[in-house]
Amino acid sequence: MKRTDGFDARRLRPRPQRSWASRIGAFFGMMLILLGIFLLIAGGTSFFNVHESLTKLAPERNTAITFLVTGLVLLWVGWALRRKIRRRALKPNDLNLSPRLLRKRN
């Protein structure tokens, strides 16, 4: 006979990690990504002289190249930070069972 009155399936899975540090880190990573995109746009428009009013942001080519490189670096750092935080948050999704109770897989 099967007894299910005291069984709760939610106990088998760990609780999701709800720390403010991970949320703040993800927000900071998103802000780095947005700042990188804005610097890429400003550097690209200044470098290629797309619009006269936008070339006032970086009047020299060296400044435009600096904006482009800084934008790419910030974009990459923000993306890597967000990815690292998301992987850490999604990692503990396995069951909390003893290994000898799980089925053996070949």
Protein backbone atom coordinates (compact mmCIF):
# COMPACT_ATOMS: atom_id res chain seq x y z
CA MET A 1 0.00 0.00 0.00
CA LYS A 2 1.25 3.43 -0.89
CA ARG A 3 1.36 6.15 1.75
CA THR A 4 1.43 9.68 0.38
CA ASP A 5 -0.08 11.69 3.22
CA GLY A 6 3.29 12.91 4.60
CA PHE A 7 5.10 13.34 1.27
CA ASP A 8 5.93 16.77 -0.09
CA ALA A 9 7.78 16.89 -3.43
CA ARG A 10 8.97 20.46 -2.83
CA ARG A 11 11.26 19.21 -0.06
CA LEU A 12 13.31 17.27 -2.59
CA ARG A 13 14.41 20.37 -4.49
CA PRO A 14 16.60 23.01 -2.88
CA ARG A 15 15.21 26.46 -2.36
CA PRO A 16 16.29 28.97 -4.97
CA GLN A 17 18.95 31.35 -3.85
CA ARG A 18 17.37 34.75 -3.30
CA SER A 19 20.22 36.97 -2.37
CA TRP A 20 20.30 40.69 -2.95
CA ALA A 21 23.97 40.49 -3.90
CA SER A 22 23.17 38.47 -7.02
CA ARG A 23 20.37 40.86 -7.99
CA ILE A 24 22.60 43.90 -7.51
CA GLY A 25 25.38 42.19 -9.46
CA ALA A 26 23.01 41.39 -12.32
CA PHE A 27 21.79 44.99 -12.34
CA PHE A 28 25.38 46.27 -12.36
CA GLY A 29 26.19 43.93 -15.25
CA MET A 30 23.20 45.22 -17.21
CA MET A 31 24.27 48.81 -16.59
CA LEU A 32 27.75 47.98 -17.89
CA ILE A 33 26.21 46.47 -21.01
CA LEU A 34 24.04 49.54 -21.61
CA LEU A 35 26.96 51.92 -21.04
CA GLY A 36 29.04 49.87 -23.46
CA ILE A 37 26.32 50.06 -26.11
CA PHE A 38 25.98 53.82 -25.68
CA LEU A 39 29.74 54.30 -25.97
CA LEU A 40 29.80 52.10 -29.08
CA ILE A 41 27.05 54.19 -30.66
CA ALA A 42 28.74 57.49 -29.75
CA GLY A 43 32.14 56.30 -30.95
CA GLY A 44 30.76 54.82 -34.15
CA THR A 45 28.82 57.93 -35.12
CA SER A 46 31.81 60.14 -34.36
CA PHE A 47 34.24 57.89 -36.18
CA PHE A 48 32.18 57.61 -39.34
CA ASN A 49 30.78 61.20 -39.21
CA VAL A 50 27.19 60.01 -39.44
CA HIS A 51 25.57 63.18 -38.17
CA GLU A 52 27.06 66.61 -37.57
CA SER A 53 25.46 67.15 -34.16
CA LEU A 54 26.68 63.76 -32.93
CA THR A 55 30.28 64.42 -33.95
CA LYS A 56 30.47 67.01 -31.18
CA LEU A 57 30.58 64.14 -28.67
CA ALA A 58 34.04 63.11 -29.86
CA PRO A 59 35.53 65.69 -32.23
CA GLU A 60 38.79 63.80 -32.84
CA ARG A 61 39.31 60.35 -34.33
CA ASN A 62 41.42 59.25 -31.35
CA THR A 63 38.58 60.01 -28.96
CA ALA A 64 36.13 58.14 -31.18
CA ILE A 65 38.42 55.09 -31.26
CA THR A 66 38.77 55.28 -27.48
CA PHE A 67 34.97 55.34 -27.16
CA LEU A 68 34.69 52.31 -29.46
CA VAL A 69 37.29 50.26 -27.59
CA THR A 70 35.96 51.24 -24.16
CA GLY A 71 32.42 50.40 -25.29
CA LEU A 72 33.50 46.96 -26.49
CA VAL A 73 35.36 46.25 -23.25
CA LEU A 74 32.42 47.36 -21.08
CA LEU A 75 30.02 45.33 -23.21
CA TRP A 76 32.17 42.20 -22.80
CA VAL A 77 32.70 42.69 -19.04
CA GLY A 78 28.98 43.27 -18.41
CA TRP A 79 28.03 40.23 -20.49
CA ALA A 80 30.54 38.03 -18.67
CA LEU A 81 29.35 39.28 -15.28
CA ARG A 82 25.69 38.63 -16.09
CA ARG A 83 26.49 35.17 -17.44
CA LYS A 84 28.50 34.24 -14.34
CA ILE A 85 25.72 35.37 -12.00
CA ARG A 86 23.02 33.56 -13.99
CA ARG A 87 25.02 30.33 -14.02
CA ARG A 88 25.54 30.53 -10.27
CA ALA A 89 21.83 31.16 -9.72
CA LEU A 90 20.71 28.27 -11.96
CA LYS A 91 23.29 25.74 -10.82
CA PRO A 92 21.60 24.06 -7.83
CA ASN A 93 18.63 22.56 -9.68
CA ASP A 94 19.27 18.92 -8.89
CA LEU A 95 17.38 16.76 -6.42
CA ASN A 96 18.49 16.48 -2.81
CA LEU A 97 18.52 12.70 -2.75
CA SER A 98 21.24 10.40 -1.67
CA PRO A 99 23.29 9.03 -4.61
CA ARG A 100 22.48 5.44 -3.72
CA LEU A 101 18.74 6.13 -4.09
CA LEU A 102 19.06 7.46 -7.61
CA ARG A 103 18.88 5.09 -10.56
CA LYS A 104 22.20 3.98 -11.98
CA ARG A 105 22.77 5.18 -15.53
CA ASN A 106 25.01 3.39 -17.96
